[in-house]
Each structure stands twice: as C-alpha cells, then as structure tokens.
Amino acid sequence: VVSLAVSAPRHAKVSVLGAAGGIGQPLSLLLKQSTLISELALYDVANTVGVAADLSHIESAAQVKGYVGDSQLEECLQGSKIVIIPAGVPRKPGMTRDDLFNINAGIAMTLAEAASKACPDAMMCIISNPVNSTVPIASEIYKKNGVFDPRKMFGVTTLDVVRANTFISELKGTPVTQTQCPVIGGHAGITILPLLSQVEPSCEFTDEERAALTVRIQNAGTEVVEAKAGGGSATLSMAYAGARFAFALLQAMNGAKKCRRMQLC
C-alpha cells in the first residue's frame, strides 16, 4: 500500500503531452470530469488551442489551456503534479510495437527531457508505444538529470487489465464491473502476463480457455488495429485506461489506501 498524500494538493495540475491526438483528445475529455484536477494543460505540436477551447465549455471545475510547440512546452509543464504522455504515431496494420520505436523513442526522449527539468517531482505516466522501451528511455533521461525516482515513473499498461476483465466477464458471465484480473509484465505480446488463477470473483478455466484467453489478451491491440483496417489503433479504450490510471494516482495522492504497487526487476 502506497500513500502519496504528504506531497500532493487536493486539486492538482495535470499535463497531457500529445493532447490533440487519437488518444490525447478522449483522454483529456475524461480527465476534464475529475473533481481532483484544478488545471488541465494540453500540449501538442498543433491543434491544442482548439481542443482546449472545446473542452473549456464543459461544466466541470478544471481550467483548461492549450499549448503548442517547443516554445510553450516548459510553460505547459510547470507546476504539474501528473504528466501523461500519449504522444507518438499509432500502430497500423502489419506494424509491431518495435516498428514504432524509431519515431516514438525520439518523442519520448524530448518530452522526458523537458519534464525532468520543468516538473521533476511530477508523476510521469507514459502511454506512448512501445511502452517496454519508452519507459526505460524516459528513466535514463531522468537519471542523467539527477531526478529519477522509480516511485514516480510509470508505464501505463492498465489497458491490459481492462481487456482481461472484459474478456473474462464475457466468457464466464461475471459482472464486468466487479471482475478483476491482475496482469503483470510488459505491454507487448508474450510480455503481457494475465494471472488467471488470481481472478476475482474466482473462476475456473479449462486448459483451452486459459490458453485462448491469454493469447487474446496478449494480442488484443492487434485485434483493434486489424478491425480498424488502417484507421488507427486502440485509442478510445486506451484513453479510458489512461484516465483510470490517472484517477487512481490522484486518489492515492489524496490519501486513498487501496493502491497496490508491484516493482519487477
């Protein structure tokens, strides 16, 4: 159990880097609804002013401002308690997460460099794929700048948990909102490890069901990419999962105790 309440205000500034993209826009929409967010700072290379104007009309407390381009990145980040990075190019049919590395790794490096200087104590939540690579890259940037804290660097793999819960509920008929399946490991293929023996409420699986579920959970991203037929990757479900993770962080920062932390070395 981890409590982060000692250093966090009740109403926090949250920055979304890549806020005008396919994940960034619905993620920002979900975050705007949180009563724990006082300021929502939206950054991208283009179009964030319009996205911010659109979201600012929503009747919730968070104030929204858009920032565009390198010259406004530092201002966007200053004072942030949580930084979420969905920036980068999405997967297309035939692409693996490794194919994204050359582009998205550079984006992650640039944004991590800026955040490590403008808000080094913020919780860093990385969505940009390949997460198995972008998180170590960001960690090395923070180490280089002498501000790395493993308790504040996160790869957002919550979508694997969300998918596992949904697929198990569909198969076993359990209430989807009460189904919980821990998923450990990474966020690519066989590194995704659903712990089906730990599902709550308890379920029995045949060997065939266990094998099929595991493969589907591991390959669910490809399932969406192929279904969209070149129209993008898992943006809406990822936005939901990213918001769910951010809300859990905000609650923990305000003293909630039902927060589990697992570090894999």
C-alpha atoms as a PDB file:
ATOM      1  CA  VAL A   1       0.000   0.000   0.000  1.00  0.00           C
ATOM      2  CA  VAL A   2       1.424   3.349  -1.026  1.00  0.00           C
ATOM      3  CA  SER A   3       0.204   6.728   0.230  1.00  0.00           C
ATOM      4  CA  LEU A   4       1.370   9.828  -1.616  1.00  0.00           C
ATOM      5  CA  ALA A   5      -0.800  12.279   0.288  1.00  0.00           C
ATOM      6  CA  VAL A   6       2.058  14.037   2.065  1.00  0.00           C
ATOM      7  CA  SER A   7       3.273  15.888  -1.018  1.00  0.00           C
ATOM      8  CA  ALA A   8       0.136  16.360  -3.103  1.00  0.00           C
ATOM      9  CA  PRO A   9      -2.517  19.077  -3.094  1.00  0.00           C
ATOM     10  CA  ARG A  10      -6.151  18.063  -3.216  1.00  0.00           C
ATOM     11  CA  HIS A  11      -6.571  19.792  -6.585  1.00  0.00           C
ATOM     12  CA  ALA A  12      -3.729  19.098  -8.985  1.00  0.00           C
ATOM     13  CA  LYS A  13      -2.460  20.345 -12.305  1.00  0.00           C
ATOM     14  CA  VAL A  14      -2.286  17.561 -14.887  1.00  0.00           C
ATOM     15  CA  SER A  15      -0.470  17.909 -18.214  1.00  0.00           C
ATOM     16  CA  VAL A  16      -1.250  15.805 -21.266  1.00  0.00           C
ATOM     17  CA  LEU A  17       1.526  15.738 -23.873  1.00  0.00           C
ATOM     18  CA  GLY A  18       0.094  14.690 -27.220  1.00  0.00           C
ATOM     19  CA  ALA A  19      -3.338  16.027 -26.301  1.00  0.00           C
ATOM     20  CA  ALA A  20      -4.552  16.621 -29.870  1.00  0.00           C
ATOM     21  CA  GLY A  21      -4.052  13.025 -30.996  1.00  0.00           C
ATOM     22  CA  GLY A  22      -6.269   9.984 -31.167  1.00  0.00           C
ATOM     23  CA  ILE A  23      -5.655   9.033 -27.533  1.00  0.00           C
ATOM     24  CA  GLY A  24      -4.984  12.529 -26.229  1.00  0.00           C
ATOM     25  CA  GLN A  25      -8.358  14.037 -27.076  1.00  0.00           C
ATOM     26  CA  PRO A  26     -10.638  11.428 -25.470  1.00  0.00           C
ATOM     27  CA  LEU A  27      -8.190  11.121 -22.559  1.00  0.00           C
ATOM     28  CA  SER A  28      -8.389  14.876 -21.975  1.00  0.00           C
ATOM     29  CA  LEU A  29     -12.188  14.713 -22.159  1.00  0.00           C
ATOM     30  CA  LEU A  30     -12.267  12.075 -19.425  1.00  0.00           C
ATOM     31  CA  LEU A  31      -9.760  13.948 -17.252  1.00  0.00           C
ATOM     32  CA  LYS A  32     -11.808  17.165 -17.520  1.00  0.00           C
ATOM     33  CA  GLN A  33     -14.540  15.462 -15.495  1.00  0.00           C
ATOM     34  CA  SER A  34     -12.360  14.817 -12.431  1.00  0.00           C
ATOM     35  CA  THR A  35     -13.047  16.917  -9.346  1.00  0.00           C
ATOM     36  CA  LEU A  36      -9.432  16.314  -8.261  1.00  0.00           C
ATOM     37  CA  ILE A  37      -7.979  18.225 -11.232  1.00  0.00           C
ATOM     38  CA  SER A  38      -7.868  22.008 -10.966  1.00  0.00           C
ATOM     39  CA  GLU A  39      -5.874  22.685 -14.138  1.00  0.00           C
ATOM     40  CA  LEU A  40      -5.619  20.631 -17.315  1.00  0.00           C
ATOM     41  CA  ALA A  41      -2.685  21.641 -19.517  1.00  0.00           C
ATOM     42  CA  LEU A  42      -2.843  20.290 -23.066  1.00  0.00           C
ATOM     43  CA  TYR A  43       0.278  20.163 -25.245  1.00  0.00           C
ATOM     44  CA  ASP A  44       0.908  19.075 -28.816  1.00  0.00           C
ATOM     45  CA  VAL A  45       2.707  20.243 -31.927  1.00  0.00           C
ATOM     46  CA  ALA A  46      -0.589  21.553 -33.377  1.00  0.00           C
ATOM     47  CA  ASN A  47      -4.325  21.968 -32.727  1.00  0.00           C
ATOM     48  CA  THR A  48      -4.280  22.038 -28.923  1.00  0.00           C
ATOM     49  CA  VAL A  49      -5.700  25.553 -28.681  1.00  0.00           C
ATOM     50  CA  GLY A  50      -8.850  24.335 -30.421  1.00  0.00           C
ATOM     51  CA  VAL A  51      -9.064  21.187 -28.319  1.00  0.00           C
ATOM     52  CA  ALA A  52      -8.668  23.266 -25.151  1.00  0.00           C
ATOM     53  CA  ALA A  53     -11.351  25.728 -26.272  1.00  0.00           C
ATOM     54  CA  ASP A  54     -13.742  22.850 -26.948  1.00  0.00           C
ATOM     55  CA  LEU A  55     -13.126  21.213 -23.572  1.00  0.00           C
ATOM     56  CA  SER A  56     -13.330  24.528 -21.721  1.00  0.00           C
ATOM     57  CA  HIS A  57     -17.053  24.695 -22.458  1.00  0.00           C
ATOM     58  CA  ILE A  58     -17.708  21.600 -20.331  1.00  0.00           C
ATOM     59  CA  GLU A  59     -19.331  22.347 -16.956  1.00  0.00           C
ATOM     60  CA  SER A  60     -16.619  20.949 -14.690  1.00  0.00           C
ATOM     61  CA  ALA A  61     -14.153  22.676 -12.405  1.00  0.00           C
ATOM     62  CA  ALA A  62     -10.830  22.025 -14.171  1.00  0.00           C
ATOM     63  CA  GLN A  63      -9.471  25.009 -16.070  1.00  0.00           C
ATOM     64  CA  VAL A  64      -8.135  24.065 -19.497  1.00  0.00           C
ATOM     65  CA  LYS A  65      -5.361  25.692 -21.516  1.00  0.00           C
ATOM     66  CA  GLY A  66      -3.718  24.625 -24.763  1.00  0.00           C
ATOM     67  CA  TYR A  67      -0.012  24.889 -25.524  1.00  0.00           C
ATOM     68  CA  VAL A  68       1.566  24.480 -28.961  1.00  0.00           C
ATOM     69  CA  GLY A  69       5.148  23.750 -29.996  1.00  0.00           C
ATOM     70  CA  ASP A  70       8.522  23.575 -28.314  1.00  0.00           C
ATOM     71  CA  SER A  71       8.462  27.189 -27.124  1.00  0.00           C
ATOM     72  CA  GLN A  72       5.408  26.563 -24.916  1.00  0.00           C
ATOM     73  CA  LEU A  73       6.306  23.105 -23.585  1.00  0.00           C
ATOM     74  CA  GLU A  74       8.063  24.328 -20.431  1.00  0.00           C
ATOM     75  CA  GLU A  75       5.156  26.606 -19.509  1.00  0.00           C
ATOM     76  CA  CYS A  76       2.744  23.720 -20.002  1.00  0.00           C
ATOM     77  CA  LEU A  77       4.707  21.506 -17.615  1.00  0.00           C
ATOM     78  CA  GLN A  78       5.488  23.977 -14.840  1.00  0.00           C
ATOM     79  CA  GLY A  79       3.641  23.114 -11.636  1.00  0.00           C
ATOM     80  CA  SER A  80       2.324  19.809 -12.931  1.00  0.00           C
ATOM     81  CA  LYS A  81       1.728  17.034 -10.417  1.00  0.00           C
ATOM     82  CA  ILE A  82       0.966  14.421 -13.080  1.00  0.00           C
ATOM     83  CA  VAL A  83       2.307  14.303 -16.642  1.00  0.00           C
ATOM     84  CA  ILE A  84       0.690  11.888 -19.097  1.00  0.00           C
ATOM     85  CA  ILE A  85       2.338  11.177 -22.460  1.00  0.00           C
ATOM     86  CA  PRO A  86       0.160   9.628 -25.183  1.00  0.00           C
ATOM     87  CA  ALA A  87       2.201  11.400 -27.892  1.00  0.00           C
ATOM     88  CA  GLY A  88       3.512   9.461 -30.873  1.00  0.00           C
ATOM     89  CA  VAL A  89       2.409   7.698 -34.023  1.00  0.00           C
ATOM     90  CA  PRO A  90      -0.177   4.886 -33.763  1.00  0.00           C
ATOM     91  CA  ARG A  91       0.260   1.343 -34.992  1.00  0.00           C
ATOM     92  CA  LYS A  92      -1.025   0.455 -38.432  1.00  0.00           C
ATOM     93  CA  PRO A  93      -1.841  -2.984 -39.880  1.00  0.00           C
ATOM     94  CA  GLY A  94       1.297  -5.096 -40.167  1.00  0.00           C
ATOM     95  CA  MET A  95       3.261  -2.970 -37.702  1.00  0.00           C
ATOM     96  CA  THR A  96       4.612  -4.248 -34.408  1.00  0.00           C
ATOM     97  CA  ARG A  97       5.352  -2.055 -31.417  1.00  0.00           C
ATOM     98  CA  ASP A  98       9.012  -2.396 -32.327  1.00  0.00           C
ATOM     99  CA  ASP A  99       8.283  -0.684 -35.654  1.00  0.00           C
ATOM    100  CA  LEU A 100       7.216   2.392 -33.696  1.00  0.00           C
ATOM    101  CA  PHE A 101      10.470   2.626 -31.796  1.00  0.00           C
ATOM    102  CA  ASN A 102      12.494   4.896 -34.079  1.00  0.00           C
ATOM    103  CA  ILE A 103       9.804   7.597 -34.132  1.00  0.00           C
ATOM    104  CA  ASN A 104       8.228   7.344 -30.705  1.00  0.00           C
ATOM    105  CA  ALA A 105      11.501   6.847 -28.839  1.00  0.00           C
ATOM    106  CA  GLY A 106      12.669  10.260 -30.025  1.00  0.00           C
ATOM    107  CA  ILE A 107       9.397  11.865 -28.971  1.00  0.00           C
ATOM    108  CA  ALA A 108       9.614  10.242 -25.542  1.00  0.00           C
ATOM    109  CA  MET A 109      13.187  11.468 -25.118  1.00  0.00           C
ATOM    110  CA  THR A 110      12.278  15.066 -25.963  1.00  0.00           C
ATOM    111  CA  LEU A 111       9.252  15.189 -23.668  1.00  0.00           C
ATOM    112  CA  ALA A 112      11.006  13.399 -20.804  1.00  0.00           C
ATOM    113  CA  GLU A 113      13.913  15.844 -21.054  1.00  0.00           C
ATOM    114  CA  ALA A 114      11.537  18.789 -20.758  1.00  0.00           C
ATOM    115  CA  ALA A 115       9.531  17.277 -17.886  1.00  0.00           C
ATOM    116  CA  SER A 116      12.638  16.289 -15.927  1.00  0.00           C
ATOM    117  CA  LYS A 117      13.611  19.968 -15.851  1.00  0.00           C
ATOM    118  CA  ALA A 118      10.243  21.750 -15.594  1.00  0.00           C
ATOM    119  CA  CYS A 119       8.475  19.437 -13.115  1.00  0.00           C
ATOM    120  CA  PRO A 120      10.945  16.781 -11.888  1.00  0.00           C
ATOM    121  CA  ASP A 121       8.723  15.747  -8.960  1.00  0.00           C
ATOM    122  CA  ALA A 122       5.638  15.066 -11.081  1.00  0.00           C
ATOM    123  CA  MET A 123       4.241  11.580 -11.584  1.00  0.00           C
ATOM    124  CA  MET A 124       5.286  10.578 -15.113  1.00  0.00           C
ATOM    125  CA  CYS A 125       2.782   8.325 -16.911  1.00  0.00           C
ATOM    126  CA  ILE A 126       3.919   7.030 -20.290  1.00  0.00           C
ATOM    127  CA  ILE A 127       1.391   5.663 -22.775  1.00  0.00           C
ATOM    128  CA  SER A 128       3.468   6.068 -25.962  1.00  0.00           C
ATOM    129  CA  ASN A 129       4.348   2.716 -27.517  1.00  0.00           C
ATOM    130  CA  PRO A 130       6.457   0.674 -27.324  1.00  0.00           C
ATOM    131  CA  VAL A 131       5.973   1.169 -23.574  1.00  0.00           C
ATOM    132  CA  ASN A 132       8.532  -1.572 -22.876  1.00  0.00           C
ATOM    133  CA  SER A 133      11.104   0.760 -24.455  1.00  0.00           C
ATOM    134  CA  THR A 134       9.818   4.306 -23.900  1.00  0.00           C
ATOM    135  CA  VAL A 135       9.695   3.916 -20.109  1.00  0.00           C
ATOM    136  CA  PRO A 136      13.383   2.856 -19.836  1.00  0.00           C
ATOM    137  CA  ILE A 137      14.304   5.708 -22.176  1.00  0.00           C
ATOM    138  CA  ALA A 138      12.496   8.259 -20.015  1.00  0.00           C
ATOM    139  CA  SER A 139      14.038   6.719 -16.901  1.00  0.00           C
ATOM    140  CA  GLU A 140      17.538   7.143 -18.317  1.00  0.00           C
ATOM    141  CA  ILE A 141      16.812  10.799 -19.135  1.00  0.00           C
ATOM    142  CA  TYR A 142      15.701  11.375 -15.550  1.00  0.00           C
ATOM    143  CA  LYS A 143      18.783   9.559 -14.225  1.00  0.00           C
ATOM    144  CA  LYS A 144      21.052  11.661 -16.427  1.00  0.00           C
ATOM    145  CA  ASN A 145      19.485  14.810 -14.979  1.00  0.00           C
ATOM    146  CA  GLY A 146      19.714  13.500 -11.408  1.00  0.00           C
ATOM    147  CA  VAL A 147      15.960  13.474 -10.708  1.00  0.00           C
ATOM    148  CA  PHE A 148      14.948   9.832 -11.217  1.00  0.00           C
ATOM    149  CA  ASP A 149      12.524   8.406  -8.657  1.00  0.00           C
ATOM    150  CA  PRO A 150      11.232   4.917  -9.520  1.00  0.00           C
ATOM    151  CA  ARG A 151       8.116   5.596  -7.432  1.00  0.00           C
ATOM    152  CA  LYS A 152       7.100   8.332  -9.863  1.00  0.00           C
ATOM    153  CA  MET A 153       7.851   6.735 -13.253  1.00  0.00           C
ATOM    154  CA  PHE A 154       5.029   4.660 -14.741  1.00  0.00           C
ATOM    155  CA  GLY A 155       4.332   2.765 -17.913  1.00  0.00           C
ATOM    156  CA  VAL A 156       0.565   2.813 -18.324  1.00  0.00           C
ATOM    157  CA  THR A 157      -0.358  -0.787 -19.101  1.00  0.00           C
ATOM    158  CA  THR A 158      -3.779  -0.588 -17.471  1.00  0.00           C
ATOM    159  CA  LEU A 159      -5.422  -1.379 -20.813  1.00  0.00           C
ATOM    160  CA  ASP A 160      -4.236  -4.977 -20.448  1.00  0.00           C
ATOM    161  CA  VAL A 161      -6.112  -5.196 -17.146  1.00  0.00           C
ATOM    162  CA  VAL A 162      -9.208  -3.569 -18.653  1.00  0.00           C
ATOM    163  CA  ARG A 163      -9.171  -6.030 -21.550  1.00  0.00           C
ATOM    164  CA  ALA A 164      -8.608  -9.018 -19.300  1.00  0.00           C
ATOM    165  CA  ASN A 165     -11.525  -8.025 -17.073  1.00  0.00           C
ATOM    166  CA  THR A 166     -13.794  -7.552 -20.091  1.00  0.00           C
ATOM    167  CA  PHE A 167     -12.869 -10.776 -21.869  1.00  0.00           C
ATOM    168  CA  ILE A 168     -13.209 -12.861 -18.695  1.00  0.00           C
ATOM    169  CA  SER A 169     -16.593 -11.344 -17.948  1.00  0.00           C
ATOM    170  CA  GLU A 170     -17.772 -12.136 -21.474  1.00  0.00           C
ATOM    171  CA  LEU A 171     -16.584 -15.723 -21.196  1.00  0.00           C
ATOM    172  CA  LYS A 172     -17.723 -16.510 -17.660  1.00  0.00           C
ATOM    173  CA  GLY A 173     -20.715 -14.231 -17.245  1.00  0.00           C
ATOM    174  CA  THR A 174     -19.321 -12.461 -14.193  1.00  0.00           C
ATOM    175  CA  PRO A 175     -20.363  -8.827 -13.580  1.00  0.00           C
ATOM    176  CA  VAL A 176     -17.894  -6.864 -15.668  1.00  0.00           C
ATOM    177  CA  THR A 177     -17.555  -4.015 -13.166  1.00  0.00           C
ATOM    178  CA  GLN A 178     -16.686  -6.487 -10.413  1.00  0.00           C
ATOM    179  CA  THR A 179     -14.321  -8.713 -12.397  1.00  0.00           C
ATOM    180  CA  GLN A 180     -10.659  -8.151 -11.558  1.00  0.00           C
ATOM    181  CA  CYS A 181      -7.711  -9.906 -13.177  1.00  0.00           C
ATOM    182  CA  PRO A 182      -4.161  -8.877 -12.265  1.00  0.00           C
ATOM    183  CA  VAL A 183      -1.853  -8.517 -15.275  1.00  0.00           C
ATOM    184  CA  ILE A 184       1.906  -8.285 -14.800  1.00  0.00           C
ATOM    185  CA  GLY A 185       4.902  -7.983 -17.102  1.00  0.00           C
ATOM    186  CA  GLY A 186       5.190  -5.583 -20.004  1.00  0.00           C
ATOM    187  CA  HIS A 187       2.908  -4.236 -22.708  1.00  0.00           C
ATOM    188  CA  ALA A 188       3.742  -6.228 -25.812  1.00  0.00           C
ATOM    189  CA  GLY A 189       2.826  -9.756 -26.875  1.00  0.00           C
ATOM    190  CA  ILE A 190       4.153 -12.503 -24.627  1.00  0.00           C
ATOM    191  CA  THR A 191       5.442  -9.996 -22.049  1.00  0.00           C
ATOM    192  CA  ILE A 192       1.773  -9.451 -21.068  1.00  0.00           C
ATOM    193  CA  LEU A 193       1.016 -11.999 -18.332  1.00  0.00           C
ATOM    194  CA  PRO A 194      -2.586 -12.233 -17.089  1.00  0.00           C
ATOM    195  CA  LEU A 195      -2.786 -14.053 -13.764  1.00  0.00           C
ATOM    196  CA  LEU A 196      -5.942 -16.025 -14.451  1.00  0.00           C
ATOM    197  CA  SER A 197      -5.535 -18.018 -11.239  1.00  0.00           C
ATOM    198  CA  GLN A 198      -5.992 -14.777  -9.284  1.00  0.00           C
ATOM    199  CA  VAL A 199      -9.227 -13.582 -10.912  1.00  0.00           C
ATOM    200  CA  GLU A 200     -11.911 -12.153  -8.614  1.00  0.00           C
ATOM    201  CA  PRO A 201     -14.593 -13.368  -8.310  1.00  0.00           C
ATOM    202  CA  SER A 202     -12.896 -16.743  -8.552  1.00  0.00           C
ATOM    203  CA  CYS A 203     -13.365 -18.540 -11.892  1.00  0.00           C
ATOM    204  CA  GLU A 204     -12.455 -21.971 -13.153  1.00  0.00           C
ATOM    205  CA  PHE A 205     -10.872 -22.209 -16.613  1.00  0.00           C
ATOM    206  CA  THR A 206     -10.228 -25.229 -18.773  1.00  0.00           C
ATOM    207  CA  ASP A 207      -6.768 -25.510 -20.294  1.00  0.00           C
ATOM    208  CA  GLU A 208      -8.252 -24.492 -23.639  1.00  0.00           C
ATOM    209  CA  GLU A 209      -9.994 -21.439 -22.173  1.00  0.00           C
ATOM    210  CA  ARG A 210      -6.849 -20.386 -20.331  1.00  0.00           C
ATOM    211  CA  ALA A 211      -4.707 -20.646 -23.461  1.00  0.00           C
ATOM    212  CA  ALA A 212      -7.225 -18.824 -25.654  1.00  0.00           C
ATOM    213  CA  LEU A 213      -7.787 -16.028 -23.125  1.00  0.00           C
ATOM    214  CA  THR A 214      -4.087 -15.471 -22.630  1.00  0.00           C
ATOM    215  CA  VAL A 215      -3.451 -15.189 -26.356  1.00  0.00           C
ATOM    216  CA  ARG A 216      -6.408 -12.858 -26.864  1.00  0.00           C
ATOM    217  CA  ILE A 217      -5.312 -10.551 -24.047  1.00  0.00           C
ATOM    218  CA  GLN A 218      -1.754 -10.505 -25.389  1.00  0.00           C
ATOM    219  CA  ASN A 219      -2.873  -9.777 -28.964  1.00  0.00           C
ATOM    220  CA  ALA A 220      -5.846  -7.505 -28.252  1.00  0.00           C
ATOM    221  CA  GLY A 221      -4.052  -4.452 -29.607  1.00  0.00           C
ATOM    222  CA  THR A 222      -3.552  -6.179 -32.948  1.00  0.00           C
ATOM    223  CA  GLU A 223      -7.238  -7.180 -32.896  1.00  0.00           C
ATOM    224  CA  VAL A 224      -8.217  -3.490 -32.820  1.00  0.00           C
ATOM    225  CA  VAL A 225      -5.623  -2.409 -35.395  1.00  0.00           C
ATOM    226  CA  GLU A 226      -6.890  -5.011 -37.849  1.00  0.00           C
ATOM    227  CA  ALA A 227     -10.558  -4.195 -37.151  1.00  0.00           C
ATOM    228  CA  LYS A 228      -9.909  -0.507 -37.872  1.00  0.00           C
ATOM    229  CA  ALA A 229      -8.293  -1.534 -41.178  1.00  0.00           C
ATOM    230  CA  GLY A 230      -5.758   1.259 -41.328  1.00  0.00           C
ATOM    231  CA  GLY A 231      -7.900   3.753 -39.449  1.00  0.00           C
ATOM    232  CA  GLY A 232      -5.796   3.707 -36.298  1.00  0.00           C
ATOM    233  CA  SER A 233      -5.093   1.687 -33.196  1.00  0.00           C
ATOM    234  CA  ALA A 234      -6.751   1.297 -29.781  1.00  0.00           C
ATOM    235  CA  THR A 235      -7.359   4.955 -28.976  1.00  0.00           C
ATOM    236  CA  LEU A 236     -10.674   5.052 -27.105  1.00  0.00           C
ATOM    237  CA  SER A 237     -10.041   2.063 -24.843  1.00  0.00           C
ATOM    238  CA  MET A 238      -6.503   3.324 -24.205  1.00  0.00           C
ATOM    239  CA  ALA A 239      -7.863   6.758 -23.280  1.00  0.00           C
ATOM    240  CA  TYR A 240     -10.244   5.096 -20.827  1.00  0.00           C
ATOM    241  CA  ALA A 241      -7.431   3.017 -19.318  1.00  0.00           C
ATOM    242  CA  GLY A 242      -5.122   6.040 -19.110  1.00  0.00           C
ATOM    243  CA  ALA A 243      -7.771   8.088 -17.343  1.00  0.00           C
ATOM    244  CA  ARG A 244      -8.489   5.213 -14.964  1.00  0.00           C
ATOM    245  CA  PHE A 245      -4.788   5.070 -14.059  1.00  0.00           C
ATOM    246  CA  ALA A 246      -4.583   8.855 -13.603  1.00  0.00           C
ATOM    247  CA  PHE A 247      -7.664   8.855 -11.360  1.00  0.00           C
ATOM    248  CA  ALA A 248      -6.081   6.118  -9.218  1.00  0.00           C
ATOM    249  CA  LEU A 249      -2.927   8.227  -8.873  1.00  0.00           C
ATOM    250  CA  LEU A 250      -4.933  11.312  -7.933  1.00  0.00           C
ATOM    251  CA  GLN A 251      -6.850   9.349  -5.314  1.00  0.00           C
ATOM    252  CA  ALA A 252      -3.613   7.931  -3.888  1.00  0.00           C
ATOM    253  CA  MET A 253      -2.087  11.401  -3.781  1.00  0.00           C
ATOM    254  CA  ASN A 254      -5.058  12.433  -1.687  1.00  0.00           C
ATOM    255  CA  GLY A 255      -4.681   9.616   0.808  1.00  0.00           C
ATOM    256  CA  ALA A 256      -6.594   6.681  -0.643  1.00  0.00           C
ATOM    257  CA  LYS A 257      -5.241   3.411   0.737  1.00  0.00           C
ATOM    258  CA  LYS A 258      -6.491   0.876  -1.825  1.00  0.00           C
ATOM    259  CA  CYS A 259      -3.459   1.248  -4.071  1.00  0.00           C
ATOM    260  CA  ARG A 260      -1.161  -1.661  -4.861  1.00  0.00           C
ATOM    261  CA  ARG A 261       2.360  -1.270  -6.170  1.00  0.00           C
ATOM    262  CA  MET A 262       4.474  -4.009  -7.698  1.00  0.00           C
ATOM    263  CA  GLN A 263       8.046  -3.483  -8.842  1.00  0.00           C
ATOM    264  CA  LEU A 264       9.545  -6.018 -11.226  1.00  0.00           C
ATOM    265  CA  CYS A 265      13.316  -6.028 -11.587  1.00  0.00           C
END
